[in-house]
Amino acid sequence: MAVSRYELKPLDEMLLLCSDGVLENRSFGGVTEKVIEKARESVTVYGFEKAAEELCSVAVDSHCDDNVTAVLVRFCEIKPKAAPPRRKIIAGRH
């Protein structure tokens, strides 16, 4: 599936790009959710800088017979724009 444009949502945390060697090895069995779970776990344990390397290591340790590549892109926290101040409504007698 080709994606040329995607609008980030407030809960989007990272983008994971990986080769089929990472996705389709014995550890993950082609199940995207397992790769994502391992990526989150790896970020927590090893830090963002080493998480992609850990994903590749898992694939290699599983005797993968294909090339392995993984890239994690961390998104900045996106804060909603501040709403303009509301005008006070003062109820009174005219």
PDB file of N, CA and C in Angstrom:
ATOM      1  N   MET A   1       0.844  -1.169   0.000  1.00  0.00           N
ATOM      2  CA  MET A   1       0.000   0.000   0.000  1.00  0.00           C
ATOM      3  C   MET A   1       0.893   1.237   0.000  1.00  0.00           C
ATOM      4  N   ALA A   2       0.681   2.121  -0.912  1.00  0.00           N
ATOM      5  CA  ALA A   2       1.462   3.357  -0.988  1.00  0.00           C
ATOM      6  C   ALA A   2       0.704   4.485  -0.290  1.00  0.00           C
ATOM      7  N   VAL A   3       1.421   5.218   0.537  1.00  0.00           N
ATOM      8  CA  VAL A   3       0.834   6.359   1.236  1.00  0.00           C
ATOM      9  C   VAL A   3       1.645   7.578   0.858  1.00  0.00           C
ATOM     10  N   SER A   4       0.997   8.559   0.293  1.00  0.00           N
ATOM     11  CA  SER A   4       1.724   9.767  -0.088  1.00  0.00           C
ATOM     12  C   SER A   4       1.461  10.925   0.875  1.00  0.00           C
ATOM     13  N   ARG A   5       0.384  10.820   1.655  1.00  0.00           N
ATOM     14  CA  ARG A   5       0.080  11.888   2.597  1.00  0.00           C
ATOM     15  C   ARG A   5      -0.718  11.303   3.750  1.00  0.00           C
ATOM     16  N   TYR A   6      -0.380  11.723   4.954  1.00  0.00           N
ATOM     17  CA  TYR A   6      -1.080  11.259   6.142  1.00  0.00           C
ATOM     18  C   TYR A   6      -1.078  12.392   7.151  1.00  0.00           C
ATOM     19  N   GLU A   7      -2.222  12.712   7.677  1.00  0.00           N
ATOM     20  CA  GLU A   7      -2.313  13.773   8.683  1.00  0.00           C
ATOM     21  C   GLU A   7      -2.166  13.151  10.065  1.00  0.00           C
ATOM     22  N   LEU A   8      -1.202  13.651  10.823  1.00  0.00           N
ATOM     23  CA  LEU A   8      -0.960  13.119  12.162  1.00  0.00           C
ATOM     24  C   LEU A   8      -2.146  13.386  13.069  1.00  0.00           C
ATOM     25  N   LYS A   9      -2.444  12.403  13.882  1.00  0.00           N
ATOM     26  CA  LYS A   9      -3.509  12.512  14.869  1.00  0.00           C
ATOM     27  C   LYS A   9      -2.864  12.727  16.234  1.00  0.00           C
ATOM     28  N   PRO A  10      -3.598  13.261  17.202  1.00  0.00           N
ATOM     29  CA  PRO A  10      -2.999  13.550  18.514  1.00  0.00           C
ATOM     30  C   PRO A  10      -2.361  12.349  19.201  1.00  0.00           C
ATOM     31  N   LEU A  11      -2.834  11.140  18.974  1.00  0.00           N
ATOM     32  CA  LEU A  11      -2.274   9.968  19.656  1.00  0.00           C
ATOM     33  C   LEU A  11      -1.211   9.241  18.842  1.00  0.00           C
ATOM     34  N   ASP A  12      -0.891   9.710  17.643  1.00  0.00           N
ATOM     35  CA  ASP A  12       0.176   9.093  16.851  1.00  0.00           C
ATOM     36  C   ASP A  12       1.492   9.312  17.572  1.00  0.00           C
ATOM     37  N   GLU A  13       2.225   8.224  17.819  1.00  0.00           N
ATOM     38  CA  GLU A  13       3.441   8.326  18.600  1.00  0.00           C
ATOM     39  C   GLU A  13       4.708   8.154  17.771  1.00  0.00           C
ATOM     40  N   MET A  14       4.652   7.283  16.755  1.00  0.00           N
ATOM     41  CA  MET A  14       5.842   7.054  15.941  1.00  0.00           C
ATOM     42  C   MET A  14       5.441   6.387  14.630  1.00  0.00           C
ATOM     43  N   LEU A  15       6.374   6.418  13.703  1.00  0.00           N
ATOM     44  CA  LEU A  15       6.226   5.730  12.429  1.00  0.00           C
ATOM     45  C   LEU A  15       7.274   4.637  12.393  1.00  0.00           C
ATOM     46  N   LEU A  16       6.871   3.436  12.058  1.00  0.00           N
ATOM     47  CA  LEU A  16       7.785   2.309  11.954  1.00  0.00           C
ATOM     48  C   LEU A  16       7.814   1.855  10.505  1.00  0.00           C
ATOM     49  N   LEU A  17       8.988   1.900   9.898  1.00  0.00           N
ATOM     50  CA  LEU A  17       9.207   1.371   8.559  1.00  0.00           C
ATOM     51  C   LEU A  17      10.143   0.189   8.712  1.00  0.00           C
ATOM     52  N   CYS A  18       9.750  -0.954   8.167  1.00  0.00           N
ATOM     53  CA  CYS A  18      10.638  -2.108   8.265  1.00  0.00           C
ATOM     54  C   CYS A  18      10.494  -2.993   7.038  1.00  0.00           C
ATOM     55  N   SER A  19      11.560  -3.706   6.760  1.00  0.00           N
ATOM     56  CA  SER A  19      11.565  -4.613   5.620  1.00  0.00           C
ATOM     57  C   SER A  19      10.797  -5.883   5.962  1.00  0.00           C
ATOM     58  N   ASP A  20      10.496  -6.655   4.924  1.00  0.00           N
ATOM     59  CA  ASP A  20       9.780  -7.906   5.158  1.00  0.00           C
ATOM     60  C   ASP A  20      10.618  -8.893   5.962  1.00  0.00           C
ATOM     61  N   GLY A  21      11.930  -8.729   5.965  1.00  0.00           N
ATOM     62  CA  GLY A  21      12.779  -9.577   6.791  1.00  0.00           C
ATOM     63  C   GLY A  21      12.512  -9.399   8.274  1.00  0.00           C
ATOM     64  N   VAL A  22      12.135  -8.196   8.677  1.00  0.00           N
ATOM     65  CA  VAL A  22      11.775  -7.948  10.076  1.00  0.00           C
ATOM     66  C   VAL A  22      10.366  -8.463  10.339  1.00  0.00           C
ATOM     67  N   LEU A  23       9.450  -8.129   9.483  1.00  0.00           N
ATOM     68  CA  LEU A  23       8.044  -8.479   9.695  1.00  0.00           C
ATOM     69  C   LEU A  23       7.782  -9.981   9.582  1.00  0.00           C
ATOM     70  N   GLU A  24       8.408 -10.629   8.625  1.00  0.00           N
ATOM     71  CA  GLU A  24       8.042 -12.013   8.315  1.00  0.00           C
ATOM     72  C   GLU A  24       9.048 -13.052   8.820  1.00  0.00           C
ATOM     73  N   ASN A  25       9.628 -12.834   9.977  1.00  0.00           N
ATOM     74  CA  ASN A  25      10.520 -13.847  10.547  1.00  0.00           C
ATOM     75  C   ASN A  25       9.759 -14.668  11.590  1.00  0.00           C
ATOM     76  N   ARG A  26      10.420 -15.649  12.175  1.00  0.00           N
ATOM     77  CA  ARG A  26       9.753 -16.547  13.134  1.00  0.00           C
ATOM     78  C   ARG A  26       9.225 -15.824  14.373  1.00  0.00           C
ATOM     79  N   SER A  27       9.903 -14.779  14.790  1.00  0.00           N
ATOM     80  CA  SER A  27       9.481 -14.071  16.009  1.00  0.00           C
ATOM     81  C   SER A  27       8.159 -13.338  15.823  1.00  0.00           C
ATOM     82  N   PHE A  28       7.971 -12.729  14.662  1.00  0.00           N
ATOM     83  CA  PHE A  28       6.782 -11.902  14.443  1.00  0.00           C
ATOM     84  C   PHE A  28       5.757 -12.575  13.528  1.00  0.00           C
ATOM     85  N   GLY A  29       6.189 -13.505  12.706  1.00  0.00           N
ATOM     86  CA  GLY A  29       5.270 -14.286  11.873  1.00  0.00           C
ATOM     87  C   GLY A  29       4.374 -13.478  10.953  1.00  0.00           C
ATOM     88  N   GLY A  30       4.819 -12.310  10.540  1.00  0.00           N
ATOM     89  CA  GLY A  30       4.011 -11.486   9.639  1.00  0.00           C
ATOM     90  C   GLY A  30       2.889 -10.730  10.320  1.00  0.00           C
ATOM     91  N   VAL A  31       2.872 -10.731  11.648  1.00  0.00           N
ATOM     92  CA  VAL A  31       1.807 -10.052  12.392  1.00  0.00           C
ATOM     93  C   VAL A  31       2.283  -8.660  12.781  1.00  0.00           C
ATOM     94  N   THR A  32       1.716  -7.667  12.119  1.00  0.00           N
ATOM     95  CA  THR A  32       2.132  -6.275  12.326  1.00  0.00           C
ATOM     96  C   THR A  32       2.036  -5.862  13.790  1.00  0.00           C
ATOM     97  N   GLU A  33       0.976  -6.280  14.469  1.00  0.00           N
ATOM     98  CA  GLU A  33       0.786  -5.888  15.866  1.00  0.00           C
ATOM     99  C   GLU A  33       1.932  -6.366  16.747  1.00  0.00           C
ATOM    100  N   LYS A  34       2.501  -7.543  16.447  1.00  0.00           N
ATOM    101  CA  LYS A  34       3.634  -8.050  17.227  1.00  0.00           C
ATOM    102  C   LYS A  34       4.869  -7.179  17.036  1.00  0.00           C
ATOM    103  N   VAL A  35       5.079  -6.711  15.809  1.00  0.00           N
ATOM    104  CA  VAL A  35       6.228  -5.838  15.539  1.00  0.00           C
ATOM    105  C   VAL A  35       6.046  -4.509  16.256  1.00  0.00           C
ATOM    106  N   ILE A  36       4.859  -3.964  16.212  1.00  0.00           N
ATOM    107  CA  ILE A  36       4.583  -2.685  16.879  1.00  0.00           C
ATOM    108  C   ILE A  36       4.749  -2.824  18.384  1.00  0.00           C
ATOM    109  N   GLU A  37       4.240  -3.911  18.941  1.00  0.00           N
ATOM    110  CA  GLU A  37       4.396  -4.155  20.381  1.00  0.00           C
ATOM    111  C   GLU A  37       5.875  -4.236  20.765  1.00  0.00           C
ATOM    112  N   LYS A  38       6.666  -4.953  19.966  1.00  0.00           N
ATOM    113  CA  LYS A  38       8.104  -5.066  20.230  1.00  0.00           C
ATOM    114  C   LYS A  38       8.792  -3.719  20.073  1.00  0.00           C
ATOM    115  N   ALA A  39       8.359  -2.918  19.097  1.00  0.00           N
ATOM    116  CA  ALA A  39       8.946  -1.581  18.911  1.00  0.00           C
ATOM    117  C   ALA A  39       8.690  -0.716  20.142  1.00  0.00           C
ATOM    118  N   ARG A  40       7.470  -0.726  20.644  1.00  0.00           N
ATOM    119  CA  ARG A  40       7.152   0.054  21.856  1.00  0.00           C
ATOM    120  C   ARG A  40       7.971  -0.433  23.052  1.00  0.00           C
ATOM    121  N   GLU A  41       8.036  -1.739  23.198  1.00  0.00           N
ATOM    122  CA  GLU A  41       8.816  -2.318  24.294  1.00  0.00           C
ATOM    123  C   GLU A  41      10.291  -1.934  24.167  1.00  0.00           C
ATOM    124  N   SER A  42      10.819  -1.993  22.956  1.00  0.00           N
ATOM    125  CA  SER A  42      12.229  -1.671  22.724  1.00  0.00           C
ATOM    126  C   SER A  42      12.530  -0.210  23.012  1.00  0.00           C
ATOM    127  N   VAL A  43      11.601   0.668  22.676  1.00  0.00           N
ATOM    128  CA  VAL A  43      11.781   2.091  22.989  1.00  0.00           C
ATOM    129  C   VAL A  43      11.856   2.277  24.495  1.00  0.00           C
ATOM    130  N   THR A  44      10.996   1.567  25.230  1.00  0.00           N
ATOM    131  CA  THR A  44      10.985   1.678  26.689  1.00  0.00           C
ATOM    132  C   THR A  44      12.269   1.132  27.309  1.00  0.00           C
ATOM    133  N   VAL A  45      12.727  -0.007  26.826  1.00  0.00           N
ATOM    134  CA  VAL A  45      13.885  -0.673  27.425  1.00  0.00           C
ATOM    135  C   VAL A  45      15.213  -0.082  26.952  1.00  0.00           C
ATOM    136  N   TYR A  46      15.348   0.138  25.641  1.00  0.00           N
ATOM    137  CA  TYR A  46      16.637   0.533  25.062  1.00  0.00           C
ATOM    138  C   TYR A  46      16.731   2.003  24.669  1.00  0.00           C
ATOM    139  N   GLY A  47      15.612   2.716  24.692  1.00  0.00           N
ATOM    140  CA  GLY A  47      15.607   4.101  24.240  1.00  0.00           C
ATOM    141  C   GLY A  47      15.327   4.164  22.742  1.00  0.00           C
ATOM    142  N   PHE A  48      14.907   5.306  22.310  1.00  0.00           N
ATOM    143  CA  PHE A  48      14.494   5.457  20.917  1.00  0.00           C
ATOM    144  C   PHE A  48      15.651   5.229  19.952  1.00  0.00           C
ATOM    145  N   GLU A  49      16.842   5.611  20.353  1.00  0.00           N
ATOM    146  CA  GLU A  49      17.996   5.516  19.458  1.00  0.00           C
ATOM    147  C   GLU A  49      18.365   4.077  19.136  1.00  0.00           C
ATOM    148  N   LYS A  50      18.094   3.132  20.023  1.00  0.00           N
ATOM    149  CA  LYS A  50      18.495   1.731  19.843  1.00  0.00           C
ATOM    150  C   LYS A  50      17.332   0.794  19.499  1.00  0.00           C
ATOM    151  N   ALA A  51      16.112   1.301  19.499  1.00  0.00           N
ATOM    152  CA  ALA A  51      14.941   0.439  19.311  1.00  0.00           C
ATOM    153  C   ALA A  51      14.911  -0.231  17.941  1.00  0.00           C
ATOM    154  N   ALA A  52      15.234   0.483  16.888  1.00  0.00           N
ATOM    155  CA  ALA A  52      15.231  -0.109  15.542  1.00  0.00           C
ATOM    156  C   ALA A  52      16.296  -1.199  15.435  1.00  0.00           C
ATOM    157  N   GLU A  53      17.440  -0.948  16.036  1.00  0.00           N
ATOM    158  CA  GLU A  53      18.508  -1.955  16.042  1.00  0.00           C
ATOM    159  C   GLU A  53      18.044  -3.228  16.762  1.00  0.00           C
ATOM    160  N   GLU A  54      17.304  -3.072  17.830  1.00  0.00           N
ATOM    161  CA  GLU A  54      16.783  -4.223  18.564  1.00  0.00           C
ATOM    162  C   GLU A  54      15.803  -5.017  17.708  1.00  0.00           C
ATOM    163  N   LEU A  55      14.933  -4.343  16.963  1.00  0.00           N
ATOM    164  CA  LEU A  55      14.005  -5.050  16.076  1.00  0.00           C
ATOM    165  C   LEU A  55      14.763  -5.895  15.053  1.00  0.00           C
ATOM    166  N   CYS A  56      15.811  -5.324  14.489  1.00  0.00           N
ATOM    167  CA  CYS A  56      16.626  -6.060  13.515  1.00  0.00           C
ATOM    168  C   CYS A  56      17.341  -7.239  14.174  1.00  0.00           C
ATOM    169  N   SER A  57      17.817  -7.035  15.386  1.00  0.00           N
ATOM    170  CA  SER A  57      18.496  -8.124  16.116  1.00  0.00           C
ATOM    171  C   SER A  57      17.554  -9.288  16.379  1.00  0.00           C
ATOM    172  N   VAL A  58      16.317  -8.995  16.722  1.00  0.00           N
ATOM    173  CA  VAL A  58      15.329 -10.056  16.950  1.00  0.00           C
ATOM    174  C   VAL A  58      15.144 -10.868  15.672  1.00  0.00           C
ATOM    175  N   ALA A  59      15.062 -10.181  14.533  1.00  0.00           N
ATOM    176  CA  ALA A  59      14.893 -10.880  13.259  1.00  0.00           C
ATOM    177  C   ALA A  59      16.108 -11.745  12.929  1.00  0.00           C
ATOM    178  N   VAL A  60      17.297 -11.203  13.112  1.00  0.00           N
ATOM    179  CA  VAL A  60      18.520 -11.950  12.821  1.00  0.00           C
ATOM    180  C   VAL A  60      18.645 -13.145  13.760  1.00  0.00           C
ATOM    181  N   ASP A  61      18.335 -12.950  15.037  1.00  0.00           N
ATOM    182  CA  ASP A  61      18.406 -14.044  16.011  1.00  0.00           C
ATOM    183  C   ASP A  61      17.397 -15.153  15.704  1.00  0.00           C
ATOM    184  N   SER A  62      16.352 -14.803  14.944  1.00  0.00           N
ATOM    185  CA  SER A  62      15.333 -15.793  14.559  1.00  0.00           C
ATOM    186  C   SER A  62      15.708 -16.498  13.267  1.00  0.00           C
ATOM    187  N   HIS A  63      16.980 -16.352  12.865  1.00  0.00           N
ATOM    188  CA  HIS A  63      17.494 -16.991  11.649  1.00  0.00           C
ATOM    189  C   HIS A  63      16.706 -16.570  10.408  1.00  0.00           C
ATOM    190  N   CYS A  64      16.443 -15.281  10.320  1.00  0.00           N
ATOM    191  CA  CYS A  64      15.741 -14.722   9.170  1.00  0.00           C
ATOM    192  C   CYS A  64      16.546 -14.994   7.901  1.00  0.00           C
ATOM    193  N   ASP A  65      15.866 -15.326   6.827  1.00  0.00           N
ATOM    194  CA  ASP A  65      16.559 -15.602   5.573  1.00  0.00           C
ATOM    195  C   ASP A  65      16.405 -14.458   4.570  1.00  0.00           C
ATOM    196  N   ASP A  66      16.163 -13.272   5.057  1.00  0.00           N
ATOM    197  CA  ASP A  66      15.988 -12.091   4.206  1.00  0.00           C
ATOM    198  C   ASP A  66      16.738 -10.926   4.839  1.00  0.00           C
ATOM    199  N   ASN A  67      16.844  -9.830   4.085  1.00  0.00           N
ATOM    200  CA  ASN A  67      17.499  -8.659   4.667  1.00  0.00           C
ATOM    201  C   ASN A  67      16.602  -8.039   5.732  1.00  0.00           C
ATOM    202  N   VAL A  68      17.221  -7.383   6.711  1.00  0.00           N
ATOM    203  CA  VAL A  68      16.461  -6.756   7.793  1.00  0.00           C
ATOM    204  C   VAL A  68      16.815  -5.274   7.882  1.00  0.00           C
ATOM    205  N   THR A  69      15.779  -4.478   7.888  1.00  0.00           N
ATOM    206  CA  THR A  69      15.940  -3.029   8.007  1.00  0.00           C
ATOM    207  C   THR A  69      14.767  -2.501   8.815  1.00  0.00           C
ATOM    208  N   ALA A  70      15.049  -1.598   9.734  1.00  0.00           N
ATOM    209  CA  ALA A  70      13.981  -0.964  10.509  1.00  0.00           C
ATOM    210  C   ALA A  70      14.352   0.490  10.764  1.00  0.00           C
ATOM    211  N   VAL A  71      13.346   1.348  10.657  1.00  0.00           N
ATOM    212  CA  VAL A  71      13.516   2.770  10.923  1.00  0.00           C
ATOM    213  C   VAL A  71      12.339   3.211  11.786  1.00  0.00           C
ATOM    214  N   LEU A  72      12.636   3.875  12.873  1.00  0.00           N
ATOM    215  CA  LEU A  72      11.595   4.453  13.727  1.00  0.00           C
ATOM    216  C   LEU A  72      11.689   5.967  13.647  1.00  0.00           C
ATOM    217  N   VAL A  73      10.557   6.597  13.431  1.00  0.00           N
ATOM    218  CA  VAL A  73      10.495   8.054  13.391  1.00  0.00           C
ATOM    219  C   VAL A  73       9.609   8.503  14.546  1.00  0.00           C
ATOM    220  N   ARG A  74      10.199   9.260  15.443  1.00  0.00           N
ATOM    221  CA  ARG A  74       9.457   9.751  16.616  1.00  0.00           C
ATOM    222  C   ARG A  74       8.792  11.070  16.255  1.00  0.00           C
ATOM    223  N   PHE A  75       7.540  11.189  16.601  1.00  0.00           N
ATOM    224  CA  PHE A  75       6.819  12.432  16.352  1.00  0.00           C
ATOM    225  C   PHE A  75       6.894  13.320  17.580  1.00  0.00           C
ATOM    226  N   CYS A  76       6.986  14.601  17.356  1.00  0.00           N
ATOM    227  CA  CYS A  76       6.952  15.555  18.464  1.00  0.00           C
ATOM    228  C   CYS A  76       5.553  15.558  19.040  1.00  0.00           C
ATOM    229  N   GLU A  77       5.488  15.907  20.285  1.00  0.00           N
ATOM    230  CA  GLU A  77       4.179  16.035  20.900  1.00  0.00           C
ATOM    231  C   GLU A  77       3.438  17.173  20.230  1.00  0.00           C
ATOM    232  N   ILE A  78       2.270  16.884  19.766  1.00  0.00           N
ATOM    233  CA  ILE A  78       1.464  17.899  19.085  1.00  0.00           C
ATOM    234  C   ILE A  78       0.415  18.388  20.059  1.00  0.00           C
ATOM    235  N   LYS A  79       0.511  19.635  20.402  1.00  0.00           N
ATOM    236  CA  LYS A  79      -0.441  20.209  21.334  1.00  0.00           C
ATOM    237  C   LYS A  79      -1.516  20.952  20.544  1.00  0.00           C
ATOM    238  N   PRO A  80      -2.765  20.838  20.959  1.00  0.00           N
ATOM    239  CA  PRO A  80      -3.818  21.559  20.235  1.00  0.00           C
ATOM    240  C   PRO A  80      -3.623  23.064  20.374  1.00  0.00           C
ATOM    241  N   LYS A  81      -4.021  23.768  19.342  1.00  0.00           N
ATOM    242  CA  LYS A  81      -3.924  25.230  19.396  1.00  0.00           C
ATOM    243  C   LYS A  81      -4.857  25.754  20.477  1.00  0.00           C
ATOM    244  N   ALA A  82      -4.418  26.795  21.131  1.00  0.00           N
ATOM    245  CA  ALA A  82      -5.232  27.400  22.180  1.00  0.00           C
ATOM    246  C   ALA A  82      -6.467  28.037  21.560  1.00  0.00           C
ATOM    247  N   ALA A  83      -7.590  27.790  22.175  1.00  0.00           N
ATOM    248  CA  ALA A  83      -8.834  28.399  21.693  1.00  0.00           C
ATOM    249  C   ALA A  83      -8.820  29.878  22.037  1.00  0.00           C
ATOM    250  N   PRO A  84      -9.397  30.701  21.167  1.00  0.00           N
ATOM    251  CA  PRO A  84      -9.446  32.129  21.480  1.00  0.00           C
ATOM    252  C   PRO A  84     -10.277  32.346  22.750  1.00  0.00           C
ATOM    253  N   PRO A  85      -9.936  33.359  23.540  1.00  0.00           N
ATOM    254  CA  PRO A  85     -10.688  33.596  24.770  1.00  0.00           C
ATOM    255  C   PRO A  85     -12.153  33.912  24.463  1.00  0.00           C
ATOM    256  N   ARG A  86     -13.014  33.404  25.304  1.00  0.00           N
ATOM    257  CA  ARG A  86     -14.441  33.654  25.109  1.00  0.00           C
ATOM    258  C   ARG A  86     -14.809  35.000  25.700  1.00  0.00           C
ATOM    259  N   ARG A  87     -15.750  35.625  25.044  1.00  0.00           N
ATOM    260  CA  ARG A  87     -16.251  36.900  25.581  1.00  0.00           C
ATOM    261  C   ARG A  87     -17.165  36.611  26.759  1.00  0.00           C
ATOM    262  N   LYS A  88     -17.038  37.404  27.766  1.00  0.00           N
ATOM    263  CA  LYS A  88     -17.912  37.258  28.920  1.00  0.00           C
ATOM    264  C   LYS A  88     -19.273  37.822  28.573  1.00  0.00           C
ATOM    265  N   ILE A  89     -20.284  37.111  28.963  1.00  0.00           N
ATOM    266  CA  ILE A  89     -21.657  37.582  28.762  1.00  0.00           C
ATOM    267  C   ILE A  89     -22.139  38.058  30.124  1.00  0.00           C
ATOM    268  N   ILE A  90     -22.471  39.287  30.159  1.00  0.00           N
ATOM    269  CA  ILE A  90     -22.912  39.869  31.420  1.00  0.00           C
ATOM    270  C   ILE A  90     -24.414  40.092  31.322  1.00  0.00           C
ATOM    271  N   ALA A  91     -25.124  39.376  32.145  1.00  0.00           N
ATOM    272  CA  ALA A  91     -26.573  39.532  32.171  1.00  0.00           C
ATOM    273  C   ALA A  91     -26.922  40.665  33.115  1.00  0.00           C
ATOM    274  N   GLY A  92     -27.701  41.548  32.681  1.00  0.00           N
ATOM    275  CA  GLY A  92     -28.063  42.660  33.545  1.00  0.00           C
ATOM    276  C   GLY A  92     -29.313  43.334  33.054  1.00  0.00           C
ATOM    277  N   ARG A  93     -29.732  44.315  33.776  1.00  0.00           N
ATOM    278  CA  ARG A  93     -30.915  45.063  33.411  1.00  0.00           C
ATOM    279  C   ARG A  93     -30.530  46.176  32.471  1.00  0.00           C
ATOM    280  N   HIS A  94     -31.358  46.390  31.517  1.00  0.00           N
ATOM    281  CA  HIS A  94     -31.125  47.479  30.569  1.00  0.00           C
ATOM    282  C   HIS A  94     -31.962  48.655  30.876  1.00  0.00           C
TER     283      HIS A  94
END
